[in-house]
Structure formats: structure tokens, C-alpha cells
Amino acid sequence: MFVLKIRVAIAGVGNCASALVQGVYYYRNAREDDRVPGIMHVDFGGYHIGDIEFVAAFDVNKLKIGKDLSEAIFAEPNCCAKFIESMPKLGVKVLPGPILDGVASHMREPFKVADDHEPVDVAAVLKEVNADMLVNFLPVGSYEATRYYAQAALDAGCAFVNCIPEFIASDEAWARKFEKAGLPVAGDDIKSQLGATILHRALVKLFVDRGVVIDETYQLNVGGNTDFLNMMAEERLKTKRVSKTEAVTSMIPYEVPTRVGPSDYVPFLGDKKVCFIHIKGRKFGNQPVTVSVKLEVEDSPNSAGMVIDVIRAVKLALDRGIAGPLISISAYAFKHPPVQVDDHIARRWLEEFIRGERDR
């Protein structure tokens, strides 16, 4: 039986894109009854992991532009673990995208910015390759660049998946634009499979459910990839801090002194992320209780499985003619969705969406 492919374009061929592309081919022959780490279902509403096909990619790095996507995902400064033995040639050349505000001044050298390349018309390329959706992996703080790519998706008639903390799916004006255009949008700011945010949410919910009053909490993160180097510029972190903080505080029904976000860049960590979570509270008799947790993960592969599920959920929405923000997959897979709910509720909603029992 002929199965339609899910035609995916990528904006930003960094570490997260590397993990996604590798993952699709690493698990392309998974059996339906296989337990694949980080994947909700091998068969997701009729779509297999291997049904994802990459049709376009955009970047500003001179070491990536012009290369096949299968090679560009391993070009400097990418440091994502190589967990696939051999990547097939994909026949997709990385094209020069607009720089706009996607590159901070201190990142021009690390990102190997190609000033001598004329950016392509992204919307025209998306139309030409008949992309179903565009996945946004631009650096944190790319306000104008994210909106450029979101508009390009609208102009090209394809869906938009926003994996970074610039608010598109959760912004009413942008949500209306996609709904009016008859296109789905999912976002914002992708969650990891088991990362700092999901662990912090689970811990504060445990405190709340057990009646422990939380007095203060913080989450500090350090890492050695270009994501952390980029976030050394505090002015690029405004929406990142909002996204990560609200993901945690939404679990607490009262105000709590909270500090959440990236703390430092440690070059020798590479793609490893180290997280420190602290929660201080009071239990019966006003007696103190403190939980301190350290989490270490390989950063970029931690979200790739989530993105694979998001891509397939967005394709289901396209097939069903559903437009505007996708509530269930966004609540399940993103830190700053249009509607924030407990994770177990979000998963139930998504299962209902997959079965066609929930509109969005």
C-alpha cells in the first residue's frame, strides 16, 4: 500500500536538527510493537517514524550551506552525539536563510556566519518542494527571524512547528493568522523527553498534591553547546525565562519565589546539559523539607522524539483539515502552549486526538 510521506522543512540545522534527522533514520525500520525510547507510538495515527521525509533546510553557517543535509548535521559547531552508524544521502541541499536577528553579535564566529550568501526566498522554496510543515530550530532570541519563517509558512500554505521560546502558537494574533489561512500551528518551546522542565514540573506537583507548601524553588542549567553560548546574552533570554518559569509555576496554585533558566556556558561539557533543581517547603507542623536534584542528559537528542511525535500530530491535523493552534499536542510537547495543563491530562488529550475523538 502506498503511504504518503510527511514532507518536512527545517529552519536551523543545529544540534536539535541533527538529533531529529538521525532519529528518523535510526528508527525508520522499527516494528509497531517495538518500545522506542522517547516516542509515544511507532504507529501514530497511521504514520510511522520512517514516513517523515526532509525536503528543505535553511541555515546561515558557511560550513553547512550547500551541503547535503545528511552531512550538514555533523558540521561545526554541531556537537550532538552521532548515534547512527551511517546516514544515507538525503538529496536535500542546505540553503542560505536570512540572518535577521537570528545571530547574536557574540555568535557570528561560533556560528560561522556566511555573509557572502544571498538568502533564498523561503516561502518560494517551501512551495516548490511542497512542504507539509516547517520546523523552527532557530537560536533562542530569534524574534524577527522566527516571525519571518512563520510568515513564510503561511505564504507557502504549510503548517508551522515552533520548537523555540518565541511565542507563535500561544500568541492570539499569530494563532488567528494560521486559523484564517486554514493551517495548523504547534508550539511553543519544545519539551525534552526527560529534561529539567518536565522533572521540575513533576516535583512541584508532588509537593502540591501531598499538601506541602512550597516556599521557594529554582532550576539552574549549564551546558557546553552553542545553545548555552548563545544564551550568555541575557537580552536573548526574556521569552526563554518566561516559557520555562511558567511551565513550572503553572503547577503551583499560589505565588512562589522562583528562578528558572540557563546559568552558564561550560565548553568542555559539549552537548551535555547539567541541571540543578531546588525546592524548599513546609510540611505538617510547619516543619521544613528540602529536595535538591541533579540531572545530567545529552541535551539535543532529549527532544528529538517529542518532535517526531509533533510532526506526525501536525500531519494528522493537515489530513483532517484542522486549522489554528493544536491544543493537545502543544500541551503535551511544549513548555509554553496555548493551554497549559497537567502532563497526564495533556497525554490523555493527545491520545484522544490521535483516535479522532478530540478536534485539536
Protein backbone atom coordinates (compact mmCIF):
# COMPACT_ATOMS: atom_id res chain seq x y z
CA MET A 1 0.00 0.00 0.00
CA PHE A 2 1.31 3.45 -0.91
CA VAL A 3 1.83 5.63 2.15
CA LEU A 4 2.08 9.39 1.87
CA LYS A 5 5.29 10.82 3.26
CA ILE A 6 5.32 13.71 5.70
CA ARG A 7 7.28 16.41 3.89
CA VAL A 8 9.25 18.41 6.46
CA ALA A 9 11.41 21.53 6.08
CA ILE A 10 13.81 22.70 8.79
CA ALA A 11 14.88 26.22 9.77
CA GLY A 12 18.18 26.00 11.64
CA VAL A 13 20.42 22.96 11.08
CA GLY A 14 21.88 22.84 14.59
CA ASN A 15 22.18 20.14 17.22
CA CYS A 16 18.43 19.62 17.62
CA ALA A 17 18.02 19.21 13.87
CA SER A 18 20.92 16.74 13.90
CA ALA A 19 19.22 14.61 16.56
CA LEU A 20 15.89 14.73 14.70
CA VAL A 21 17.31 13.75 11.31
CA GLN A 22 19.44 10.98 12.80
CA GLY A 23 16.50 9.71 14.85
CA VAL A 24 14.15 9.40 11.88
CA TYR A 25 16.64 7.14 10.09
CA TYR A 26 17.79 5.34 13.25
CA TYR A 27 14.22 4.17 13.90
CA ARG A 28 12.93 4.04 10.32
CA ASN A 29 12.51 0.25 10.42
CA ALA A 30 11.05 0.00 13.94
CA ARG A 31 8.26 -2.55 14.30
CA GLU A 32 4.88 -1.41 15.54
CA ASP A 33 5.28 -3.40 18.77
CA ASP A 34 8.81 -2.08 19.46
CA ARG A 35 9.32 0.04 22.56
CA VAL A 36 11.13 3.07 21.14
CA PRO A 37 12.54 5.40 23.83
CA GLY A 38 11.07 8.88 23.59
CA ILE A 39 8.38 8.01 21.04
CA MET A 40 4.73 7.94 22.06
CA HIS A 41 3.78 5.35 19.40
CA VAL A 42 5.67 3.80 16.49
CA ASP A 43 2.35 3.94 14.62
CA PHE A 44 0.98 7.40 15.38
CA GLY A 45 -2.47 7.66 13.84
CA GLY A 46 -1.33 5.63 10.84
CA TYR A 47 2.03 7.37 10.40
CA HIS A 48 5.32 5.58 11.07
CA ILE A 49 8.54 7.32 12.13
CA GLY A 50 10.00 6.40 8.75
CA ASP A 51 7.21 8.26 6.94
CA ILE A 52 8.97 11.55 7.74
CA GLU A 53 10.87 12.90 4.75
CA PHE A 54 13.07 16.00 4.82
CA VAL A 55 12.57 18.19 1.77
CA ALA A 56 14.29 21.51 2.61
CA ALA A 57 16.67 23.03 5.16
CA PHE A 58 17.83 26.58 5.84
CA ASP A 59 20.83 27.88 7.77
CA VAL A 60 23.35 30.76 7.87
CA ASN A 61 26.51 28.70 8.53
CA LYS A 62 29.01 28.68 5.64
CA LEU A 63 30.10 25.14 6.59
CA LYS A 64 26.53 23.87 6.17
CA ILE A 65 25.17 25.87 3.23
CA GLY A 66 25.39 23.86 0.00
CA LYS A 67 25.99 20.55 1.76
CA ASP A 68 23.60 17.63 1.76
CA LEU A 69 21.53 17.70 4.95
CA SER A 70 22.99 14.30 5.92
CA GLU A 71 26.45 15.93 6.09
CA ALA A 72 25.46 19.38 7.36
CA ILE A 73 24.01 17.96 10.59
CA PHE A 74 27.56 16.95 11.60
CA ALA A 75 29.30 20.19 10.56
CA GLU A 76 30.82 22.55 13.15
CA PRO A 77 29.81 23.83 15.61
CA ASN A 78 27.33 20.94 15.99
CA CYS A 79 28.34 18.56 18.76
CA CYS A 80 25.27 16.32 19.02
CA ALA A 81 26.11 12.67 19.64
CA LYS A 82 26.36 10.63 16.44
CA PHE A 83 24.14 7.67 17.27
CA ILE A 84 23.55 6.38 13.75
CA GLU A 85 26.35 4.43 12.06
CA SER A 86 25.66 5.59 8.53
CA MET A 87 23.40 8.37 7.27
CA PRO A 88 22.11 8.00 3.71
CA LYS A 89 22.39 10.94 1.35
CA LEU A 90 19.10 12.79 1.50
CA GLY A 91 19.33 14.79 -1.72
CA VAL A 92 18.49 17.97 0.21
CA LYS A 93 20.98 20.83 -0.01
CA VAL A 94 21.06 23.27 2.90
CA LEU A 95 20.04 26.69 1.59
CA PRO A 96 21.04 30.12 2.92
CA GLY A 97 18.33 31.65 5.08
CA PRO A 98 18.03 35.26 6.21
CA ILE A 99 20.11 36.22 9.25
CA LEU A 100 17.87 38.98 10.67
CA ASP A 101 18.21 38.73 14.49
CA GLY A 102 18.94 35.00 14.43
CA VAL A 103 22.63 35.52 15.22
CA ALA A 104 23.75 37.47 18.30
CA SER A 105 26.88 39.60 17.91
CA HIS A 106 28.96 37.21 20.05
CA MET A 107 27.79 34.22 17.95
CA ARG A 108 28.91 35.33 14.49
CA GLU A 109 32.21 33.43 14.72
CA PRO A 110 30.90 30.30 16.52
CA PHE A 111 28.04 30.05 14.00
CA LYS A 112 30.44 30.55 11.05
CA VAL A 113 28.07 33.09 9.51
CA ALA A 114 28.13 33.24 5.70
CA ASP A 115 27.90 36.93 4.87
CA ASP A 116 28.56 36.33 1.17
CA HIS A 117 25.45 34.21 0.52
CA GLU A 118 22.24 35.82 -0.70
CA PRO A 119 19.33 34.38 1.31
CA VAL A 120 16.73 32.44 -0.62
CA ASP A 121 13.03 33.23 -0.70
CA VAL A 122 11.95 30.72 1.95
CA ALA A 123 8.25 30.80 1.05
CA ALA A 124 9.06 30.11 -2.61
CA VAL A 125 11.26 27.15 -1.67
CA LEU A 126 8.58 25.71 0.63
CA LYS A 127 6.07 25.93 -2.23
CA GLU A 128 8.49 24.39 -4.70
CA VAL A 129 9.20 21.34 -2.53
CA ASN A 130 5.54 21.06 -1.48
CA ALA A 131 6.43 21.04 2.22
CA ASP A 132 3.72 19.93 4.65
CA MET A 133 5.31 21.85 7.51
CA LEU A 134 8.27 23.95 8.57
CA VAL A 135 10.01 23.10 11.87
CA ASN A 136 11.68 26.06 13.58
CA PHE A 137 15.00 25.29 15.33
CA LEU A 138 16.47 28.82 15.27
CA PRO A 139 18.61 30.03 18.19
CA VAL A 140 16.91 31.37 21.32
CA GLY A 141 16.19 35.09 20.97
CA SER A 142 15.35 34.98 17.25
CA TYR A 143 12.28 37.23 17.48
CA GLU A 144 12.26 38.68 13.96
CA ALA A 145 13.67 35.57 12.30
CA THR A 146 11.03 33.30 13.83
CA ARG A 147 8.27 35.60 12.61
CA TYR A 148 9.84 35.70 9.15
CA TYR A 149 9.75 31.89 8.93
CA ALA A 150 6.23 31.72 10.39
CA GLN A 151 5.03 34.16 7.74
CA ALA A 152 6.88 32.19 5.06
CA ALA A 153 4.99 29.08 6.14
CA LEU A 154 1.70 30.98 5.88
CA ASP A 155 2.62 32.34 2.45
CA ALA A 156 3.59 28.87 1.25
CA GLY A 157 0.47 27.20 2.64
CA CYS A 158 2.24 24.88 5.06
CA ALA A 159 1.98 24.23 8.80
CA PHE A 160 4.44 25.60 11.36
CA VAL A 161 6.07 23.81 14.30
CA ASN A 162 7.76 26.24 16.69
CA CYS A 163 10.37 24.50 18.83
CA ILE A 164 11.90 27.65 20.34
CA PRO A 165 10.70 30.11 23.01
CA GLU A 166 9.33 32.76 20.67
CA PHE A 167 5.58 32.83 21.04
CA ILE A 168 3.66 31.94 17.87
CA ALA A 169 1.16 29.16 18.64
CA SER A 170 0.49 30.72 22.05
CA ASP A 171 0.12 34.24 20.63
CA GLU A 172 -3.51 35.07 19.83
CA ALA A 173 -2.69 37.21 16.79
CA TRP A 174 -0.46 34.58 15.16
CA ALA A 175 -2.88 31.80 16.11
CA ARG A 176 -5.64 33.68 14.26
CA LYS A 177 -3.41 34.08 11.20
CA PHE A 178 -2.90 30.33 10.93
CA GLU A 179 -6.57 29.61 11.60
CA LYS A 180 -7.63 32.11 8.93
CA ALA A 181 -5.18 30.51 6.48
CA GLY A 182 -6.59 27.04 7.21
CA LEU A 183 -3.24 25.80 8.55
CA PRO A 184 -2.27 24.16 11.85
CA VAL A 185 0.42 25.54 14.17
CA ALA A 186 2.04 23.79 17.16
CA GLY A 187 4.27 25.27 19.87
CA ASP A 188 5.91 26.92 21.66
CA ASP A 189 9.33 25.83 23.05
CA ILE A 190 9.73 22.06 22.80
CA LYS A 191 9.90 19.94 25.95
CA SER A 192 12.53 17.25 26.39
CA GLN A 193 11.72 13.58 26.90
CA LEU A 194 13.14 13.75 30.42
CA GLY A 195 14.63 17.18 30.96
CA ALA A 196 14.83 19.93 33.52
CA THR A 197 11.33 21.32 32.93
CA ILE A 198 9.40 18.04 32.96
CA LEU A 199 11.28 16.87 36.08
CA HIS A 200 10.76 20.20 37.86
CA ARG A 201 7.04 20.13 37.00
CA ALA A 202 6.71 16.60 38.37
CA LEU A 203 8.45 17.50 41.63
CA VAL A 204 6.45 20.66 42.36
CA LYS A 205 3.23 18.81 41.52
CA LEU A 206 4.23 16.11 44.02
CA PHE A 207 4.71 18.80 46.69
CA VAL A 208 1.32 20.34 45.89
CA ASP A 209 -0.52 17.00 45.71
CA ARG A 210 0.93 15.94 49.09
CA GLY A 211 -0.06 19.24 50.71
CA VAL A 212 3.49 20.53 51.20
CA VAL A 213 3.63 24.33 51.00
CA ILE A 214 6.39 25.44 48.61
CA ASP A 215 8.32 28.47 49.85
CA GLU A 216 10.91 28.78 47.09
CA THR A 217 12.30 26.94 44.09
CA TYR A 218 14.98 27.34 41.47
CA GLN A 219 16.29 25.49 38.43
CA LEU A 220 19.81 26.23 37.19
CA ASN A 221 21.14 24.78 33.94
CA VAL A 222 24.65 24.65 32.47
CA GLY A 223 25.84 23.19 29.19
CA GLY A 224 28.56 23.33 26.58
CA ASN A 225 26.80 23.56 23.21
CA THR A 226 26.11 26.70 21.17
CA ASP A 227 22.62 26.95 22.65
CA PHE A 228 24.17 27.75 26.02
CA LEU A 229 26.82 30.00 24.48
CA ASN A 230 24.08 31.94 22.66
CA MET A 231 22.12 32.30 25.90
CA MET A 232 25.03 34.02 27.64
CA ALA A 233 23.47 37.21 26.23
CA GLU A 234 20.76 37.93 28.79
CA GLU A 235 18.80 40.11 26.36
CA ARG A 236 18.04 36.98 24.28
CA LEU A 237 16.57 35.15 27.28
CA LYS A 238 13.40 37.11 28.04
CA THR A 239 10.93 34.69 26.46
CA LYS A 240 13.05 31.65 27.40
CA ARG A 241 12.78 32.53 31.09
CA VAL A 242 9.05 33.22 30.73
CA SER A 243 8.48 29.89 28.98
CA LYS A 244 10.45 27.75 31.44
CA THR A 245 9.19 29.61 34.51
CA GLU A 246 5.50 29.45 33.55
CA ALA A 247 5.85 25.74 32.76
CA VAL A 248 6.80 25.20 36.42
CA THR A 249 4.70 27.82 38.23
CA SER A 250 1.55 26.73 36.37
CA MET A 251 1.69 23.59 38.54
CA ILE A 252 1.52 25.65 41.78
CA PRO A 253 -1.82 27.28 42.75
CA TYR A 254 -0.16 30.18 44.59
CA GLU A 255 2.75 32.54 44.04
CA VAL A 256 6.22 31.25 44.90
CA PRO A 257 9.64 32.95 44.60
CA THR A 258 11.04 31.19 41.53
CA ARG A 259 14.16 31.41 39.38
CA VAL A 260 14.42 29.21 36.31
CA GLY A 261 16.75 29.25 33.34
CA PRO A 262 20.22 28.78 31.87
CA SER A 263 23.04 29.82 34.18
CA ASP A 264 26.38 29.32 32.47
CA TYR A 265 28.27 28.03 29.45
CA VAL A 266 30.85 25.32 30.19
CA PRO A 267 32.62 24.49 26.90
CA PHE A 268 34.03 21.09 27.88
CA LEU A 269 30.53 19.75 28.58
CA GLY A 270 29.80 19.69 24.84
CA ASP A 271 26.18 18.64 24.27
CA LYS A 272 25.78 17.53 27.88
CA LYS A 273 23.35 19.55 29.98
CA VAL A 274 23.55 19.57 33.78
CA CYS A 275 20.54 20.77 35.75
CA PHE A 276 20.22 21.59 39.45
CA ILE A 277 16.71 21.78 40.93
CA HIS A 278 15.98 23.04 44.45
CA ILE A 279 12.58 23.08 46.17
CA LYS A 280 12.13 24.24 49.76
CA GLY A 281 8.81 23.87 51.56
CA ARG A 282 6.92 23.23 54.78
CA LYS A 283 5.02 20.12 55.80
CA PHE A 284 2.84 19.30 58.82
CA GLY A 285 3.69 21.39 61.88
CA ASN A 286 5.48 23.90 59.63
CA GLN A 287 8.47 21.55 59.61
CA PRO A 288 10.94 22.15 56.77
CA VAL A 289 11.51 19.86 53.79
CA THR A 290 14.03 20.43 51.01
CA VAL A 291 14.55 18.48 47.79
CA SER A 292 17.72 19.02 45.73
CA VAL A 293 18.16 17.14 42.45
CA LYS A 294 20.94 16.96 39.85
CA LEU A 295 20.08 15.80 36.33
CA GLU A 296 22.60 15.10 33.54
CA VAL A 297 21.47 14.46 29.96
CA GLU A 298 22.72 14.62 26.39
CA ASP A 299 20.83 17.77 25.51
CA SER A 300 19.88 17.64 21.83
CA PRO A 301 18.60 14.03 21.47
CA ASN A 302 16.41 14.65 24.53
CA SER A 303 13.76 16.46 22.50
CA ALA A 304 14.03 14.69 19.12
CA GLY A 305 11.46 12.01 19.92
CA MET A 306 8.99 14.67 21.01
CA VAL A 307 9.46 16.49 17.70
CA ILE A 308 8.84 13.26 15.77
CA ASP A 309 5.50 12.89 17.58
CA VAL A 310 4.69 16.57 16.96
CA ILE A 311 5.39 16.23 13.23
CA ARG A 312 3.01 13.29 12.96
CA ALA A 313 0.31 15.05 15.02
CA VAL A 314 0.53 18.10 12.77
CA LYS A 315 0.21 15.86 9.69
CA LEU A 316 -2.95 14.33 11.17
CA ALA A 317 -4.32 17.86 11.61
CA LEU A 318 -3.48 18.67 7.98
CA ASP A 319 -5.22 15.47 6.83
CA ARG A 320 -8.31 16.35 8.87
CA GLY A 321 -8.44 19.99 7.76
CA ILE A 322 -7.85 21.33 11.28
CA ALA A 323 -6.52 24.89 11.40
CA GLY A 324 -5.05 27.13 14.08
CA PRO A 325 -3.26 26.13 17.30
CA LEU A 326 -3.23 22.42 18.09
CA ILE A 327 -4.14 22.31 21.77
CA SER A 328 -3.45 18.68 22.71
CA ILE A 329 -0.03 18.14 21.08
CA SER A 330 1.07 21.63 22.17
CA ALA A 331 0.11 20.99 25.80
CA TYR A 332 1.87 17.61 25.71
CA ALA A 333 5.06 18.54 23.87
CA PHE A 334 5.76 22.24 24.53
CA LYS A 335 6.66 24.37 27.55
CA HIS A 336 4.55 27.40 26.55
CA PRO A 337 1.43 26.02 24.82
CA PRO A 338 -1.80 27.92 24.16
CA VAL A 339 -3.40 25.94 27.01
CA GLN A 340 -1.28 24.77 29.97
CA VAL A 341 -2.48 21.62 31.79
CA ASP A 342 -1.02 18.79 33.89
CA ASP A 343 1.10 16.42 31.82
CA HIS A 344 -1.14 13.39 32.39
CA ILE A 345 -4.14 15.38 31.12
CA ALA A 346 -2.19 16.55 28.08
CA ARG A 347 -1.25 12.96 27.25
CA ARG A 348 -4.88 11.85 27.55
CA TRP A 349 -5.97 14.69 25.27
CA LEU A 350 -3.35 13.69 22.71
CA GLU A 351 -4.41 10.03 22.74
CA GLU A 352 -7.98 11.22 22.12
CA PHE A 353 -6.77 13.45 19.28
CA ILE A 354 -4.90 10.56 17.65
CA ARG A 355 -8.07 8.44 17.75
CA GLY A 356 -10.08 11.30 16.25
CA GLU A 357 -12.12 11.82 19.42
CA ARG A 358 -10.80 15.34 20.03
CA ASP A 359 -10.87 18.10 17.43
CA ARG A 360 -7.46 19.57 18.22
